[in-house]
């Protein structure tokens, strides 16, 4: 099964996550199919907290990919911020 999930990067006590598409059997930091964006939980100032290619996520979900709970929350946030940017 194909999953859309987070893979951890960054330094000790400063996590940074890439949002990737991968086979569910591969390790968290193993091989991935496509990188869709990132999530920076410790973002401050002008740093972006979430960057996500919403169109590619839709593409993968249409083809049967499953999102983890955290990625689903980030997807909703990215959609909201995209709508606000279009309205401005």
C-alpha atoms as a PDB file:
ATOM      1  CA  UNK A   1       0.000   0.000   0.000  1.00  0.00           C
ATOM      2  CA  UNK A   2       1.191   3.520  -0.774  1.00  0.00           C
ATOM      3  CA  UNK A   3       1.264   5.972   2.147  1.00  0.00           C
ATOM      4  CA  UNK A   4       1.721   9.720   2.440  1.00  0.00           C
ATOM      5  CA  UNK A   5       3.683  10.280   5.630  1.00  0.00           C
ATOM      6  CA  UNK A   6       6.405  12.267   7.377  1.00  0.00           C
ATOM      7  CA  UNK A   7      10.120  11.516   7.365  1.00  0.00           C
ATOM      8  CA  UNK A   8      12.277  13.194  10.008  1.00  0.00           C
ATOM      9  CA  UNK A   9      15.280  15.360   9.382  1.00  0.00           C
ATOM     10  CA  UNK A  10      16.886  18.299  11.126  1.00  0.00           C
ATOM     11  CA  UNK A  11      19.183  18.508  14.109  1.00  0.00           C
ATOM     12  CA  UNK A  12      18.803  17.178  17.616  1.00  0.00           C
ATOM     13  CA  UNK A  13      15.906  18.975  19.389  1.00  0.00           C
ATOM     14  CA  UNK A  14      15.146  20.871  16.120  1.00  0.00           C
ATOM     15  CA  UNK A  15      12.925  18.529  14.082  1.00  0.00           C
ATOM     16  CA  UNK A  16      12.149  19.101  10.422  1.00  0.00           C
ATOM     17  CA  UNK A  17       9.905  16.760   8.464  1.00  0.00           C
ATOM     18  CA  UNK A  18       9.537  16.092   4.745  1.00  0.00           C
ATOM     19  CA  UNK A  19       6.120  14.965   3.536  1.00  0.00           C
ATOM     20  CA  UNK A  20       6.686  12.022   1.219  1.00  0.00           C
ATOM     21  CA  UNK A  21       4.896   9.322  -0.733  1.00  0.00           C
ATOM     22  CA  UNK A  22       6.285   5.871   0.015  1.00  0.00           C
ATOM     23  CA  UNK A  23       5.490   2.186   0.177  1.00  0.00           C
ATOM     24  CA  UNK A  24       4.114   1.412   3.642  1.00  0.00           C
ATOM     25  CA  UNK A  25       6.595  -1.460   4.043  1.00  0.00           C
ATOM     26  CA  UNK A  26       9.681   0.782   3.746  1.00  0.00           C
ATOM     27  CA  UNK A  27      11.357   2.340   6.796  1.00  0.00           C
ATOM     28  CA  UNK A  28      10.411   5.851   7.933  1.00  0.00           C
ATOM     29  CA  UNK A  29      13.678   7.305   6.619  1.00  0.00           C
ATOM     30  CA  UNK A  30      14.009   4.803   3.811  1.00  0.00           C
ATOM     31  CA  UNK A  31      13.233   4.970   0.126  1.00  0.00           C
ATOM     32  CA  UNK A  32      10.480   7.296  -1.067  1.00  0.00           C
ATOM     33  CA  UNK A  33       8.565   7.687  -4.313  1.00  0.00           C
ATOM     34  CA  UNK A  34       8.010  11.465  -4.296  1.00  0.00           C
ATOM     35  CA  UNK A  35       8.567  14.411  -1.954  1.00  0.00           C
ATOM     36  CA  UNK A  36       5.457  16.588  -1.675  1.00  0.00           C
ATOM     37  CA  UNK A  37       6.525  19.274   0.794  1.00  0.00           C
ATOM     38  CA  UNK A  38       7.728  19.861   4.312  1.00  0.00           C
ATOM     39  CA  UNK A  39       6.579  20.561   7.873  1.00  0.00           C
ATOM     40  CA  UNK A  40       8.636  22.686  10.271  1.00  0.00           C
ATOM     41  CA  UNK A  41       7.089  22.428  13.765  1.00  0.00           C
ATOM     42  CA  UNK A  42       9.568  24.906  15.299  1.00  0.00           C
ATOM     43  CA  UNK A  43       9.144  27.630  12.658  1.00  0.00           C
ATOM     44  CA  UNK A  44       9.380  31.186  13.935  1.00  0.00           C
ATOM     45  CA  UNK A  45       9.337  34.626  12.380  1.00  0.00           C
ATOM     46  CA  UNK A  46       8.932  34.583   8.604  1.00  0.00           C
ATOM     47  CA  UNK A  47       9.664  30.851   8.314  1.00  0.00           C
ATOM     48  CA  UNK A  48       6.864  28.792   6.777  1.00  0.00           C
ATOM     49  CA  UNK A  49       5.428  26.099   9.017  1.00  0.00           C
ATOM     50  CA  UNK A  50       3.893  23.976   6.235  1.00  0.00           C
ATOM     51  CA  UNK A  51       4.672  23.843   2.518  1.00  0.00           C
ATOM     52  CA  UNK A  52       2.684  21.253   0.581  1.00  0.00           C
ATOM     53  CA  UNK A  53       1.881  20.586  -3.083  1.00  0.00           C
ATOM     54  CA  UNK A  54      -1.895  20.150  -2.686  1.00  0.00           C
ATOM     55  CA  UNK A  55      -2.450  19.114  -6.313  1.00  0.00           C
ATOM     56  CA  UNK A  56       0.050  16.243  -6.043  1.00  0.00           C
ATOM     57  CA  UNK A  57      -1.547  15.079  -2.776  1.00  0.00           C
ATOM     58  CA  UNK A  58      -4.923  14.963  -4.541  1.00  0.00           C
ATOM     59  CA  UNK A  59      -3.290  13.018  -7.389  1.00  0.00           C
ATOM     60  CA  UNK A  60      -1.920  10.371  -5.022  1.00  0.00           C
ATOM     61  CA  UNK A  61      -5.110  10.096  -2.940  1.00  0.00           C
ATOM     62  CA  UNK A  62      -7.127   9.524  -6.131  1.00  0.00           C
ATOM     63  CA  UNK A  63      -4.794   6.616  -6.889  1.00  0.00           C
ATOM     64  CA  UNK A  64      -5.377   5.014  -3.493  1.00  0.00           C
ATOM     65  CA  UNK A  65      -2.647   6.470  -1.277  1.00  0.00           C
ATOM     66  CA  UNK A  66      -3.477   6.690   2.423  1.00  0.00           C
ATOM     67  CA  UNK A  67      -2.490   9.716   4.523  1.00  0.00           C
ATOM     68  CA  UNK A  68      -1.395   9.437   8.133  1.00  0.00           C
ATOM     69  CA  UNK A  69      -3.418  11.439  10.678  1.00  0.00           C
ATOM     70  CA  UNK A  70      -0.756  14.159  10.995  1.00  0.00           C
ATOM     71  CA  UNK A  71      -0.413  14.530   7.225  1.00  0.00           C
ATOM     72  CA  UNK A  72      -4.201  14.799   6.901  1.00  0.00           C
ATOM     73  CA  UNK A  73      -4.158  17.670   9.436  1.00  0.00           C
ATOM     74  CA  UNK A  74      -1.302  19.382   7.575  1.00  0.00           C
ATOM     75  CA  UNK A  75      -3.174  18.916   4.292  1.00  0.00           C
ATOM     76  CA  UNK A  76      -6.201  20.722   5.729  1.00  0.00           C
ATOM     77  CA  UNK A  77      -3.956  23.558   6.959  1.00  0.00           C
ATOM     78  CA  UNK A  78      -2.303  23.862   3.541  1.00  0.00           C
ATOM     79  CA  UNK A  79      -5.695  24.009   1.817  1.00  0.00           C
ATOM     80  CA  UNK A  80      -6.878  26.787   4.157  1.00  0.00           C
ATOM     81  CA  UNK A  81      -3.723  28.836   3.674  1.00  0.00           C
ATOM     82  CA  UNK A  82      -3.992  28.358  -0.101  1.00  0.00           C
ATOM     83  CA  UNK A  83      -7.560  29.632  -0.097  1.00  0.00           C
ATOM     84  CA  UNK A  84      -6.572  32.666   1.993  1.00  0.00           C
ATOM     85  CA  UNK A  85      -3.715  33.456  -0.395  1.00  0.00           C
ATOM     86  CA  UNK A  86      -6.091  33.326  -3.396  1.00  0.00           C
ATOM     87  CA  UNK A  87      -8.606  35.634  -1.662  1.00  0.00           C
ATOM     88  CA  UNK A  88      -5.957  38.282  -0.943  1.00  0.00           C
END
